[in-house]
Amino acid sequence: GVAILVNRNLPFHAKQIKANPKGRNIIGTAQIYSENITIASVYVPTIDDLQFVQNTAQFPDSLIIGGDNNCTLDTDLDRSSNKPATPTRMAKILRDALEENGMSEIWRHMHQTRIEFSLYPHVHWSFSRINLLLVSKKISYRIEKNYCITDHLPIFLDLKTPTNQSYRWRFDSTLLNRQEFKDMISKSILEFLEINMPTAPSPECLWDSLKASLRGLIISYSSKIKRQAQKEYTELEHELKKAKKNNTDLHNTVVNLQQKLKNQSVTKAEKAILRIKATYYAQGNRAGKVLAWQLERENVSRLIPTISTQSGTLT
C-alpha cells in the first residue's frame, strides 16, 4: 500500500482525499500556506492501467506525484542495458498524460543528460530508474532539489515555500547509548562543580548555570556527530553513484552500499520515533508543558487563515 505522511507542524488543511481500493495510490488536495496543492503517492501497477492515470490527472491544482512507476519514461537514459527496448504502453500513457496536463518528470527536467538508476534487481543484471516525481510545470521553477538514492527509499524534493517555523532544542536520548558521550558529560560536570561551586551564590544559580553549560556542550557534540553521519551518508551516495553507472560487474558492491544507506535511514527513523514518544508519553497523565503545548496547538489549528466569499475567492 501507499500513504501520505504530513509533518504535524505543517499548516496542512486537507480538502479532499481519494484512495484506491487496492492501495495503489492515494491523492490528497490540501491548502498549504494559502496555496492549493495536490499530493499523490502512487504505486503504478505492472499491468497497463489507463484508469489510474485518469484518476490522478483529474485534479486541477498544482500537482506533485511521487512513487514507484514500474516503468522507465526514457529507455535510452533510464536503463543500463545497451539492448534497444520499446517503451511500454504504460510509459507512453504517462508521457502523454504529462504533456496533456502540463507536467514534467522533474529529475530529468533538472538533469537532461545525467544517467542514474534506482532499481538494482538481483535477478536481471540491468539497472533502471523507475522511482519518479511528476510535478506541474507551474511550480517546477520552485523545485530546488530532487533525488532518489535507491528503490524502496524516500524520494526527496525541496519545494520553496514560505515558513516561519522556529527551532526548539530537545535532547537526543540516543546519545546515552554512546559511552564516549557519557564519559564526557561526567567529566564536564565534575570540572564545572569543582570550579564554580565555591563561588556560586545559591544552589539554584549553580544548577541553572550547569544546565546551560551542559546544553552548549551537548549541542556541540550532537553537531559533530551529525556532521560525521552526513559525511558518511554523502560518501556512500557518491560510492553508490560511481558503482552503478553502466557497470553490472559491480552488482554486489551496489547491493552492499544500498544496504548501508538503508541502515542509516532506519537509524533516522528510530530517532524520530523516540522523539514522538518523548513528546506524548514522558509525563504520562500529569499536567505540564506537554499538555500546554497540545492545547496551544489545538488553538492554533482552529484559526481561520482565509475566508471564502460567495464568489468563491479567498480573502
C-alpha atoms as a PDB file:
ATOM      1  CA  GLY A   1       0.000   0.000   0.000  1.00  0.00           C
ATOM      2  CA  VAL A   2       0.897   3.681  -0.155  1.00  0.00           C
ATOM      3  CA  ALA A   3       0.483   6.587   2.251  1.00  0.00           C
ATOM      4  CA  ILE A   4       0.965  10.347   2.585  1.00  0.00           C
ATOM      5  CA  LEU A   5       2.644  11.421   5.828  1.00  0.00           C
ATOM      6  CA  VAL A   6       2.357  15.068   6.884  1.00  0.00           C
ATOM      7  CA  ASN A   7       4.529  16.817   9.446  1.00  0.00           C
ATOM      8  CA  ARG A   8       2.327  17.839  12.361  1.00  0.00           C
ATOM      9  CA  ASN A   9       3.836  21.340  12.304  1.00  0.00           C
ATOM     10  CA  LEU A  10       2.903  21.941   8.652  1.00  0.00           C
ATOM     11  CA  PRO A  11      -0.257  24.059   8.143  1.00  0.00           C
ATOM     12  CA  PHE A  12      -1.840  21.295   6.076  1.00  0.00           C
ATOM     13  CA  HIS A  13      -5.596  21.796   5.711  1.00  0.00           C
ATOM     14  CA  ALA A  14      -6.967  18.749   3.880  1.00  0.00           C
ATOM     15  CA  LYS A  15      -9.807  19.460   1.446  1.00  0.00           C
ATOM     16  CA  GLN A  16     -10.196  16.160  -0.390  1.00  0.00           C
ATOM     17  CA  ILE A  17      -8.717  12.677  -0.008  1.00  0.00           C
ATOM     18  CA  LYS A  18      -9.164   9.923  -2.560  1.00  0.00           C
ATOM     19  CA  ALA A  19      -7.671   6.449  -2.164  1.00  0.00           C
ATOM     20  CA  ASN A  20      -7.569   3.478  -4.488  1.00  0.00           C
ATOM     21  CA  PRO A  21      -9.347   0.416  -3.005  1.00  0.00           C
ATOM     22  CA  LYS A  22      -6.388  -1.765  -3.965  1.00  0.00           C
ATOM     23  CA  GLY A  23      -3.913   0.510  -2.178  1.00  0.00           C
ATOM     24  CA  ARG A  24      -2.116   1.556  -5.362  1.00  0.00           C
ATOM     25  CA  ASN A  25      -2.496   5.304  -4.926  1.00  0.00           C
ATOM     26  CA  ILE A  26      -3.748   7.933  -2.539  1.00  0.00           C
ATOM     27  CA  ILE A  27      -4.393  11.502  -3.638  1.00  0.00           C
ATOM     28  CA  GLY A  28      -4.884  14.413  -1.257  1.00  0.00           C
ATOM     29  CA  THR A  29      -5.750  18.021  -2.033  1.00  0.00           C
ATOM     30  CA  ALA A  30      -4.891  20.489   0.701  1.00  0.00           C
ATOM     31  CA  GLN A  31      -4.287  24.144   1.370  1.00  0.00           C
ATOM     32  CA  ILE A  32      -0.685  24.770   2.413  1.00  0.00           C
ATOM     33  CA  TYR A  33       0.278  28.360   3.209  1.00  0.00           C
ATOM     34  CA  SER A  34      -2.889  29.595   1.442  1.00  0.00           C
ATOM     35  CA  GLU A  35      -1.969  27.630  -1.686  1.00  0.00           C
ATOM     36  CA  ASN A  36      -3.910  24.663  -3.047  1.00  0.00           C
ATOM     37  CA  ILE A  37      -1.598  21.725  -3.742  1.00  0.00           C
ATOM     38  CA  THR A  38      -2.466  18.150  -4.673  1.00  0.00           C
ATOM     39  CA  ILE A  39      -0.049  15.454  -3.499  1.00  0.00           C
ATOM     40  CA  ALA A  40      -0.251  11.862  -4.716  1.00  0.00           C
ATOM     41  CA  SER A  41       1.635   8.808  -3.504  1.00  0.00           C
ATOM     42  CA  VAL A  42       1.450   6.092  -6.136  1.00  0.00           C
ATOM     43  CA  TYR A  43       2.446   2.571  -6.962  1.00  0.00           C
ATOM     44  CA  VAL A  44       1.880   2.171 -10.676  1.00  0.00           C
ATOM     45  CA  PRO A  45       0.651  -1.346 -11.457  1.00  0.00           C
ATOM     46  CA  THR A  46       2.906  -3.541 -13.548  1.00  0.00           C
ATOM     47  CA  ILE A  47      -0.020  -4.133 -15.909  1.00  0.00           C
ATOM     48  CA  ASP A  48      -1.183  -1.268 -18.089  1.00  0.00           C
ATOM     49  CA  ASP A  49      -3.931   0.610 -16.247  1.00  0.00           C
ATOM     50  CA  LEU A  50      -5.344   3.649 -18.027  1.00  0.00           C
ATOM     51  CA  GLN A  51      -7.869   4.284 -15.241  1.00  0.00           C
ATOM     52  CA  PHE A  52      -5.052   5.004 -12.791  1.00  0.00           C
ATOM     53  CA  VAL A  53      -3.708   7.844 -14.955  1.00  0.00           C
ATOM     54  CA  GLN A  54      -7.185   9.308 -15.448  1.00  0.00           C
ATOM     55  CA  ASN A  55      -7.881   9.318 -11.705  1.00  0.00           C
ATOM     56  CA  THR A  56      -4.597  11.045 -10.942  1.00  0.00           C
ATOM     57  CA  ALA A  57      -4.792  13.669 -13.701  1.00  0.00           C
ATOM     58  CA  GLN A  58      -8.267  14.998 -12.909  1.00  0.00           C
ATOM     59  CA  PHE A  59      -7.104  17.356 -10.145  1.00  0.00           C
ATOM     60  CA  PRO A  60      -6.719  20.971 -11.351  1.00  0.00           C
ATOM     61  CA  ASP A  61      -4.432  22.279  -8.593  1.00  0.00           C
ATOM     62  CA  SER A  62      -0.646  22.256  -8.504  1.00  0.00           C
ATOM     63  CA  LEU A  63       0.148  18.554  -8.612  1.00  0.00           C
ATOM     64  CA  ILE A  64       3.039  16.531  -7.176  1.00  0.00           C
ATOM     65  CA  ILE A  65       3.029  12.781  -7.877  1.00  0.00           C
ATOM     66  CA  GLY A  66       5.715  10.577  -6.375  1.00  0.00           C
ATOM     67  CA  GLY A  67       6.293   6.873  -6.136  1.00  0.00           C
ATOM     68  CA  ASP A  68       7.218   3.652  -7.912  1.00  0.00           C
ATOM     69  CA  ASN A  69       6.162   3.879 -11.564  1.00  0.00           C
ATOM     70  CA  ASN A  70       7.340   0.387 -12.589  1.00  0.00           C
ATOM     71  CA  CYS A  71       8.419   1.708 -15.979  1.00  0.00           C
ATOM     72  CA  THR A  72      11.085   3.931 -17.491  1.00  0.00           C
ATOM     73  CA  LEU A  73       9.983   7.012 -19.413  1.00  0.00           C
ATOM     74  CA  ASP A  74      13.249   7.181 -21.371  1.00  0.00           C
ATOM     75  CA  THR A  75      14.507   3.770 -22.486  1.00  0.00           C
ATOM     76  CA  ASP A  76      17.870   5.233 -23.540  1.00  0.00           C
ATOM     77  CA  LEU A  77      18.865   7.240 -20.449  1.00  0.00           C
ATOM     78  CA  ASP A  78      16.958   5.410 -17.718  1.00  0.00           C
ATOM     79  CA  ARG A  79      18.309   1.886 -18.402  1.00  0.00           C
ATOM     80  CA  SER A  80      21.800   0.422 -18.104  1.00  0.00           C
ATOM     81  CA  SER A  81      21.258  -2.180 -20.798  1.00  0.00           C
ATOM     82  CA  ASN A  82      22.533  -1.340 -24.258  1.00  0.00           C
ATOM     83  CA  LYS A  83      19.910  -3.512 -25.905  1.00  0.00           C
ATOM     84  CA  PRO A  84      17.198  -1.491 -27.678  1.00  0.00           C
ATOM     85  CA  ALA A  85      13.866  -1.509 -25.880  1.00  0.00           C
ATOM     86  CA  THR A  86      10.412  -0.353 -26.862  1.00  0.00           C
ATOM     87  CA  PRO A  87       8.603   1.851 -24.304  1.00  0.00           C
ATOM     88  CA  THR A  88       5.798   0.029 -22.522  1.00  0.00           C
ATOM     89  CA  ARG A  89       2.186   1.046 -23.057  1.00  0.00           C
ATOM     90  CA  MET A  90       2.123   2.495 -19.525  1.00  0.00           C
ATOM     91  CA  ALA A  91       5.212   4.598 -20.250  1.00  0.00           C
ATOM     92  CA  LYS A  92       3.535   6.006 -23.370  1.00  0.00           C
ATOM     93  CA  ILE A  93       0.352   6.741 -21.403  1.00  0.00           C
ATOM     94  CA  LEU A  94       2.330   8.539 -18.685  1.00  0.00           C
ATOM     95  CA  ARG A  95       4.273  10.643 -21.193  1.00  0.00           C
ATOM     96  CA  ASP A  96       1.053  11.644 -22.958  1.00  0.00           C
ATOM     97  CA  ALA A  97      -0.589  12.473 -19.618  1.00  0.00           C
ATOM     98  CA  LEU A  98       2.379  14.659 -18.621  1.00  0.00           C
ATOM     99  CA  GLU A  99       2.128  16.615 -21.861  1.00  0.00           C
ATOM    100  CA  GLU A 100      -1.654  16.995 -21.697  1.00  0.00           C
ATOM    101  CA  ASN A 101      -1.688  18.144 -18.061  1.00  0.00           C
ATOM    102  CA  GLY A 102       1.318  20.476 -18.210  1.00  0.00           C
ATOM    103  CA  MET A 103       3.587  18.344 -16.032  1.00  0.00           C
ATOM    104  CA  SER A 104       7.175  17.187 -16.162  1.00  0.00           C
ATOM    105  CA  GLU A 105       9.338  14.457 -14.691  1.00  0.00           C
ATOM    106  CA  ILE A 106      11.265  16.887 -12.524  1.00  0.00           C
ATOM    107  CA  TRP A 107      14.537  14.965 -12.064  1.00  0.00           C
ATOM    108  CA  ARG A 108      15.010  14.517 -15.816  1.00  0.00           C
ATOM    109  CA  HIS A 109      13.943  18.144 -16.320  1.00  0.00           C
ATOM    110  CA  MET A 110      16.727  19.263 -13.955  1.00  0.00           C
ATOM    111  CA  HIS A 111      19.316  16.754 -15.268  1.00  0.00           C
ATOM    112  CA  GLN A 112      18.896  16.473 -19.016  1.00  0.00           C
ATOM    113  CA  THR A 113      21.732  14.038 -19.751  1.00  0.00           C
ATOM    114  CA  ARG A 114      22.733  12.549 -16.391  1.00  0.00           C
ATOM    115  CA  ILE A 115      22.483   8.770 -16.042  1.00  0.00           C
ATOM    116  CA  GLU A 116      21.439   7.384 -12.661  1.00  0.00           C
ATOM    117  CA  PHE A 117      19.392   4.401 -11.533  1.00  0.00           C
ATOM    118  CA  SER A 118      17.168   3.487  -8.600  1.00  0.00           C
ATOM    119  CA  LEU A 119      16.366  -0.193  -9.199  1.00  0.00           C
ATOM    120  CA  TYR A 120      19.040  -2.888  -8.915  1.00  0.00           C
ATOM    121  CA  PRO A 121      17.299  -6.250  -9.364  1.00  0.00           C
ATOM    122  CA  HIS A 122      19.098  -9.364  -8.117  1.00  0.00           C
ATOM    123  CA  VAL A 123      17.774 -11.477 -10.992  1.00  0.00           C
ATOM    124  CA  HIS A 124      18.104  -9.186 -14.005  1.00  0.00           C
ATOM    125  CA  TRP A 125      21.540  -7.656 -14.420  1.00  0.00           C
ATOM    126  CA  SER A 126      20.091  -4.449 -15.794  1.00  0.00           C
ATOM    127  CA  PHE A 127      19.659  -1.274 -13.755  1.00  0.00           C
ATOM    128  CA  SER A 128      16.842   1.206 -14.336  1.00  0.00           C
ATOM    129  CA  ARG A 129      15.276   4.388 -12.929  1.00  0.00           C
ATOM    130  CA  ILE A 130      11.611   3.822 -12.110  1.00  0.00           C
ATOM    131  CA  ASN A 131      11.138   5.952  -8.962  1.00  0.00           C
ATOM    132  CA  LEU A 132       9.904   9.281 -10.270  1.00  0.00           C
ATOM    133  CA  LEU A 133       8.450  12.609  -9.174  1.00  0.00           C
ATOM    134  CA  LEU A 134       5.990  14.195 -11.589  1.00  0.00           C
ATOM    135  CA  VAL A 135       5.352  17.892 -10.969  1.00  0.00           C
ATOM    136  CA  SER A 136       3.139  20.552 -12.503  1.00  0.00           C
ATOM    137  CA  LYS A 137       5.225  22.894 -14.638  1.00  0.00           C
ATOM    138  CA  LYS A 138       3.709  25.960 -12.944  1.00  0.00           C
ATOM    139  CA  ILE A 139       5.559  25.077  -9.728  1.00  0.00           C
ATOM    140  CA  SER A 140       8.599  23.352 -11.235  1.00  0.00           C
ATOM    141  CA  TYR A 141      10.639  26.568 -11.005  1.00  0.00           C
ATOM    142  CA  ARG A 142      10.303  26.365  -7.220  1.00  0.00           C
ATOM    143  CA  ILE A 143      11.959  22.960  -7.018  1.00  0.00           C
ATOM    144  CA  GLU A 144      15.426  23.387  -5.525  1.00  0.00           C
ATOM    145  CA  LYS A 145      16.493  19.757  -5.195  1.00  0.00           C
ATOM    146  CA  ASN A 146      15.176  16.353  -6.206  1.00  0.00           C
ATOM    147  CA  TYR A 147      16.875  12.979  -5.916  1.00  0.00           C
ATOM    148  CA  CYS A 148      16.245   9.314  -5.225  1.00  0.00           C
ATOM    149  CA  ILE A 149      19.100   7.185  -3.906  1.00  0.00           C
ATOM    150  CA  THR A 150      17.652   3.744  -4.489  1.00  0.00           C
ATOM    151  CA  ASP A 151      14.417   1.794  -4.713  1.00  0.00           C
ATOM    152  CA  HIS A 152      12.334   1.449  -1.509  1.00  0.00           C
ATOM    153  CA  LEU A 153      13.907   4.579  -0.012  1.00  0.00           C
ATOM    154  CA  PRO A 154      12.279   8.033   0.068  1.00  0.00           C
ATOM    155  CA  ILE A 155      12.272  10.279  -2.990  1.00  0.00           C
ATOM    156  CA  PHE A 156      13.416  13.741  -1.928  1.00  0.00           C
ATOM    157  CA  LEU A 157      12.068  17.023  -3.240  1.00  0.00           C
ATOM    158  CA  ASP A 158      12.706  20.519  -1.858  1.00  0.00           C
ATOM    159  CA  LEU A 159       9.915  22.944  -2.727  1.00  0.00           C
ATOM    160  CA  LYS A 160      10.399  26.600  -1.877  1.00  0.00           C
ATOM    161  CA  THR A 161       7.523  27.788   0.270  1.00  0.00           C
ATOM    162  CA  PRO A 162       7.160  30.464   2.989  1.00  0.00           C
ATOM    163  CA  THR A 163       7.678  29.276   6.531  1.00  0.00           C
ATOM    164  CA  ASN A 164       8.071  30.898   9.907  1.00  0.00           C
ATOM    165  CA  GLN A 165       8.772  27.825  11.987  1.00  0.00           C
ATOM    166  CA  SER A 166      11.221  28.203  14.856  1.00  0.00           C
ATOM    167  CA  TYR A 167      13.535  25.503  16.166  1.00  0.00           C
ATOM    168  CA  ARG A 168      13.179  24.249  19.729  1.00  0.00           C
ATOM    169  CA  TRP A 169      16.130  22.287  21.050  1.00  0.00           C
ATOM    170  CA  ARG A 170      15.495  18.882  22.572  1.00  0.00           C
ATOM    171  CA  PHE A 171      17.906  16.367  23.989  1.00  0.00           C
ATOM    172  CA  ASP A 172      18.683  13.402  21.719  1.00  0.00           C
ATOM    173  CA  SER A 173      18.254  10.402  24.040  1.00  0.00           C
ATOM    174  CA  THR A 174      20.132   8.108  21.634  1.00  0.00           C
ATOM    175  CA  LEU A 175      23.349   9.817  22.771  1.00  0.00           C
ATOM    176  CA  LEU A 176      23.028   7.897  26.047  1.00  0.00           C
ATOM    177  CA  ASN A 177      23.961   4.753  24.108  1.00  0.00           C
ATOM    178  CA  ARG A 178      27.404   6.233  23.481  1.00  0.00           C
ATOM    179  CA  GLN A 179      29.901   5.522  26.268  1.00  0.00           C
ATOM    180  CA  GLU A 180      32.139   8.296  24.939  1.00  0.00           C
ATOM    181  CA  PHE A 181      29.306  10.795  25.419  1.00  0.00           C
ATOM    182  CA  LYS A 182      28.516   9.659  28.979  1.00  0.00           C
ATOM    183  CA  ASP A 183      32.182   9.847  29.989  1.00  0.00           C
ATOM    184  CA  MET A 184      32.459  13.343  28.523  1.00  0.00           C
ATOM    185  CA  ILE A 185      29.364  14.575  30.408  1.00  0.00           C
ATOM    186  CA  SER A 186      30.506  13.051  33.706  1.00  0.00           C
ATOM    187  CA  LYS A 187      33.910  14.668  33.391  1.00  0.00           C
ATOM    188  CA  SER A 188      32.390  18.037  32.424  1.00  0.00           C
ATOM    189  CA  ILE A 189      30.032  18.014  35.427  1.00  0.00           C
ATOM    190  CA  LEU A 190      32.865  17.281  37.854  1.00  0.00           C
ATOM    191  CA  GLU A 191      35.037  20.027  36.366  1.00  0.00           C
ATOM    192  CA  PHE A 192      32.183  22.532  36.405  1.00  0.00           C
ATOM    193  CA  LEU A 193      31.312  21.850  40.052  1.00  0.00           C
ATOM    194  CA  GLU A 194      34.943  21.955  41.105  1.00  0.00           C
ATOM    195  CA  ILE A 195      35.401  25.397  39.551  1.00  0.00           C
ATOM    196  CA  ASN A 196      32.032  27.052  40.266  1.00  0.00           C
ATOM    197  CA  MET A 197      30.668  25.512  43.478  1.00  0.00           C
ATOM    198  CA  PRO A 198      32.859  27.580  45.867  1.00  0.00           C
ATOM    199  CA  THR A 199      31.730  30.890  44.339  1.00  0.00           C
ATOM    200  CA  ALA A 200      28.088  30.089  43.458  1.00  0.00           C
ATOM    201  CA  PRO A 201      25.651  32.500  45.201  1.00  0.00           C
ATOM    202  CA  SER A 202      22.991  29.785  45.576  1.00  0.00           C
ATOM    203  CA  PRO A 203      22.318  26.134  44.636  1.00  0.00           C
ATOM    204  CA  GLU A 204      19.606  27.294  42.199  1.00  0.00           C
ATOM    205  CA  CYS A 205      22.036  29.572  40.374  1.00  0.00           C
ATOM    206  CA  LEU A 206      24.637  26.789  40.266  1.00  0.00           C
ATOM    207  CA  TRP A 207      22.089  24.326  38.849  1.00  0.00           C
ATOM    208  CA  ASP A 208      20.843  26.742  36.165  1.00  0.00           C
ATOM    209  CA  SER A 209      24.361  27.617  35.041  1.00  0.00           C
ATOM    210  CA  LEU A 210      25.298  23.919  34.949  1.00  0.00           C
ATOM    211  CA  LYS A 211      22.304  23.159  32.727  1.00  0.00           C
ATOM    212  CA  ALA A 212      23.254  25.996  30.362  1.00  0.00           C
ATOM    213  CA  SER A 213      26.839  24.744  30.181  1.00  0.00           C
ATOM    214  CA  LEU A 214      25.786  21.148  29.537  1.00  0.00           C
ATOM    215  CA  ARG A 215      23.302  22.225  26.890  1.00  0.00           C
ATOM    216  CA  GLY A 216      26.024  24.029  24.929  1.00  0.00           C
ATOM    217  CA  LEU A 217      28.324  21.025  25.292  1.00  0.00           C
ATOM    218  CA  ILE A 218      25.608  18.599  24.125  1.00  0.00           C
ATOM    219  CA  ILE A 219      24.688  20.781  21.134  1.00  0.00           C
ATOM    220  CA  SER A 220      28.339  20.933  20.105  1.00  0.00           C
ATOM    221  CA  TYR A 221      28.746  17.154  20.439  1.00  0.00           C
ATOM    222  CA  SER A 222      25.483  16.458  18.606  1.00  0.00           C
ATOM    223  CA  SER A 223      26.510  18.750  15.750  1.00  0.00           C
ATOM    224  CA  LYS A 224      29.817  16.891  15.467  1.00  0.00           C
ATOM    225  CA  ILE A 225      28.050  13.507  15.337  1.00  0.00           C
ATOM    226  CA  LYS A 226      25.546  14.826  12.813  1.00  0.00           C
ATOM    227  CA  ARG A 227      28.313  16.154  10.549  1.00  0.00           C
ATOM    228  CA  GLN A 228      30.117  12.811  10.707  1.00  0.00           C
ATOM    229  CA  ALA A 229      26.933  10.906   9.861  1.00  0.00           C
ATOM    230  CA  GLN A 230      26.118  13.276   6.996  1.00  0.00           C
ATOM    231  CA  LYS A 231      29.658  12.961   5.659  1.00  0.00           C
ATOM    232  CA  GLU A 232      29.416   9.163   5.757  1.00  0.00           C
ATOM    233  CA  TYR A 233      25.999   9.290   4.084  1.00  0.00           C
ATOM    234  CA  THR A 234      27.311  11.567   1.334  1.00  0.00           C
ATOM    235  CA  GLU A 235      30.327   9.306   0.774  1.00  0.00           C
ATOM    236  CA  LEU A 236      28.041   6.276   0.497  1.00  0.00           C
ATOM    237  CA  GLU A 237      25.886   8.122  -2.032  1.00  0.00           C
ATOM    238  CA  HIS A 238      28.975   9.044  -4.048  1.00  0.00           C
ATOM    239  CA  GLU A 239      30.301   5.469  -3.978  1.00  0.00           C
ATOM    240  CA  LEU A 240      26.888   4.134  -4.973  1.00  0.00           C
ATOM    241  CA  LYS A 241      26.649   6.522  -7.927  1.00  0.00           C
ATOM    242  CA  LYS A 242      30.134   5.521  -9.089  1.00  0.00           C
ATOM    243  CA  ALA A 243      29.394   1.816  -8.752  1.00  0.00           C
ATOM    244  CA  LYS A 244      26.038   1.777 -10.518  1.00  0.00           C
ATOM    245  CA  LYS A 245      26.812   3.741 -13.670  1.00  0.00           C
ATOM    246  CA  ASN A 246      26.560   1.293 -16.553  1.00  0.00           C
ATOM    247  CA  ASN A 247      28.581  -1.374 -14.813  1.00  0.00           C
ATOM    248  CA  THR A 248      26.776  -4.569 -13.925  1.00  0.00           C
ATOM    249  CA  ASP A 249      30.068  -6.165 -12.792  1.00  0.00           C
ATOM    250  CA  LEU A 250      29.781  -4.153  -9.573  1.00  0.00           C
ATOM    251  CA  HIS A 251      26.363  -5.542  -8.692  1.00  0.00           C
ATOM    252  CA  ASN A 252      27.447  -6.894  -5.276  1.00  0.00           C
ATOM    253  CA  THR A 253      29.070  -3.579  -4.400  1.00  0.00           C
ATOM    254  CA  VAL A 254      25.880  -1.723  -5.293  1.00  0.00           C
ATOM    255  CA  VAL A 255      23.790  -4.050  -3.142  1.00  0.00           C
ATOM    256  CA  ASN A 256      26.127  -3.619  -0.144  1.00  0.00           C
ATOM    257  CA  LEU A 257      26.126   0.177  -0.424  1.00  0.00           C
ATOM    258  CA  GLN A 258      22.364   0.112  -0.818  1.00  0.00           C
ATOM    259  CA  GLN A 259      22.040  -1.835   2.450  1.00  0.00           C
ATOM    260  CA  LYS A 260      24.287   0.615   4.317  1.00  0.00           C
ATOM    261  CA  LEU A 261      22.144   3.542   3.164  1.00  0.00           C
ATOM    262  CA  LYS A 262      19.009   1.712   4.297  1.00  0.00           C
ATOM    263  CA  ASN A 263      20.585   1.116   7.721  1.00  0.00           C
ATOM    264  CA  GLN A 264      21.225   4.824   8.103  1.00  0.00           C
ATOM    265  CA  SER A 265      17.628   5.568   7.126  1.00  0.00           C
ATOM    266  CA  VAL A 266      16.416   3.125   9.800  1.00  0.00           C
ATOM    267  CA  THR A 267      18.549   4.913  12.395  1.00  0.00           C
ATOM    268  CA  LYS A 268      16.978   8.249  11.462  1.00  0.00           C
ATOM    269  CA  ALA A 269      13.511   6.713  11.713  1.00  0.00           C
ATOM    270  CA  GLU A 270      14.282   5.306  15.170  1.00  0.00           C
ATOM    271  CA  LYS A 271      15.329   8.752  16.391  1.00  0.00           C
ATOM    272  CA  ALA A 272      12.122  10.283  15.030  1.00  0.00           C
ATOM    273  CA  ILE A 273      10.022   7.638  16.814  1.00  0.00           C
ATOM    274  CA  LEU A 274      11.849   8.276  20.077  1.00  0.00           C
ATOM    275  CA  ARG A 275      11.120  11.994  19.787  1.00  0.00           C
ATOM    276  CA  ILE A 276       7.423  11.283  19.240  1.00  0.00           C
ATOM    277  CA  LYS A 277       7.311   9.047  22.327  1.00  0.00           C
ATOM    278  CA  ALA A 278       9.102  11.681  24.383  1.00  0.00           C
ATOM    279  CA  THR A 279       6.562  14.299  23.328  1.00  0.00           C
ATOM    280  CA  TYR A 280       3.434  12.360  24.207  1.00  0.00           C
ATOM    281  CA  TYR A 281       4.380   9.863  26.910  1.00  0.00           C
ATOM    282  CA  ALA A 282       7.134  11.381  29.037  1.00  0.00           C
ATOM    283  CA  GLN A 283       4.792  12.977  31.575  1.00  0.00           C
ATOM    284  CA  GLY A 284       2.041  10.364  31.477  1.00  0.00           C
ATOM    285  CA  ASN A 285      -1.275  11.745  32.710  1.00  0.00           C
ATOM    286  CA  ARG A 286       0.245  14.624  34.671  1.00  0.00           C
ATOM    287  CA  ALA A 287      -0.484  18.198  33.667  1.00  0.00           C
ATOM    288  CA  GLY A 288       2.578  20.067  32.476  1.00  0.00           C
ATOM    289  CA  LYS A 289       4.260  21.616  29.456  1.00  0.00           C
ATOM    290  CA  VAL A 290       3.203  18.785  27.145  1.00  0.00           C
ATOM    291  CA  LEU A 291      -0.450  19.475  27.889  1.00  0.00           C
ATOM    292  CA  ALA A 292       0.119  23.200  27.443  1.00  0.00           C
ATOM    293  CA  TRP A 293       1.759  22.631  24.045  1.00  0.00           C
ATOM    294  CA  GLN A 294      -1.092  20.393  22.934  1.00  0.00           C
ATOM    295  CA  LEU A 295      -3.693  22.966  23.967  1.00  0.00           C
ATOM    296  CA  GLU A 296      -1.774  25.728  22.217  1.00  0.00           C
ATOM    297  CA  ARG A 297      -1.513  23.645  19.032  1.00  0.00           C
ATOM    298  CA  GLU A 298      -5.242  22.937  19.218  1.00  0.00           C
ATOM    299  CA  ASN A 299      -5.978  26.657  19.498  1.00  0.00           C
ATOM    300  CA  VAL A 300      -3.736  27.394  16.535  1.00  0.00           C
ATOM    301  CA  SER A 301      -5.457  24.701  14.462  1.00  0.00           C
ATOM    302  CA  ARG A 302      -8.772  26.457  15.000  1.00  0.00           C
ATOM    303  CA  LEU A 303      -7.553  29.682  13.459  1.00  0.00           C
ATOM    304  CA  ILE A 304      -9.228  30.658  10.196  1.00  0.00           C
ATOM    305  CA  PRO A 305      -6.433  31.674   7.762  1.00  0.00           C
ATOM    306  CA  THR A 306      -8.773  32.631   4.908  1.00  0.00           C
ATOM    307  CA  ILE A 307     -12.455  33.269   4.273  1.00  0.00           C
ATOM    308  CA  SER A 308     -14.244  32.184   1.123  1.00  0.00           C
ATOM    309  CA  THR A 309     -16.644  34.751  -0.326  1.00  0.00           C
ATOM    310  CA  GLN A 310     -19.837  33.970  -2.212  1.00  0.00           C
ATOM    311  CA  SER A 311     -17.965  34.383  -5.483  1.00  0.00           C
ATOM    312  CA  GLY A 312     -15.508  31.671  -4.486  1.00  0.00           C
ATOM    313  CA  THR A 313     -12.461  33.891  -3.941  1.00  0.00           C
ATOM    314  CA  LEU A 314     -10.364  33.650  -0.796  1.00  0.00           C
ATOM    315  CA  THR A 315      -9.692  36.694   1.354  1.00  0.00           C
END
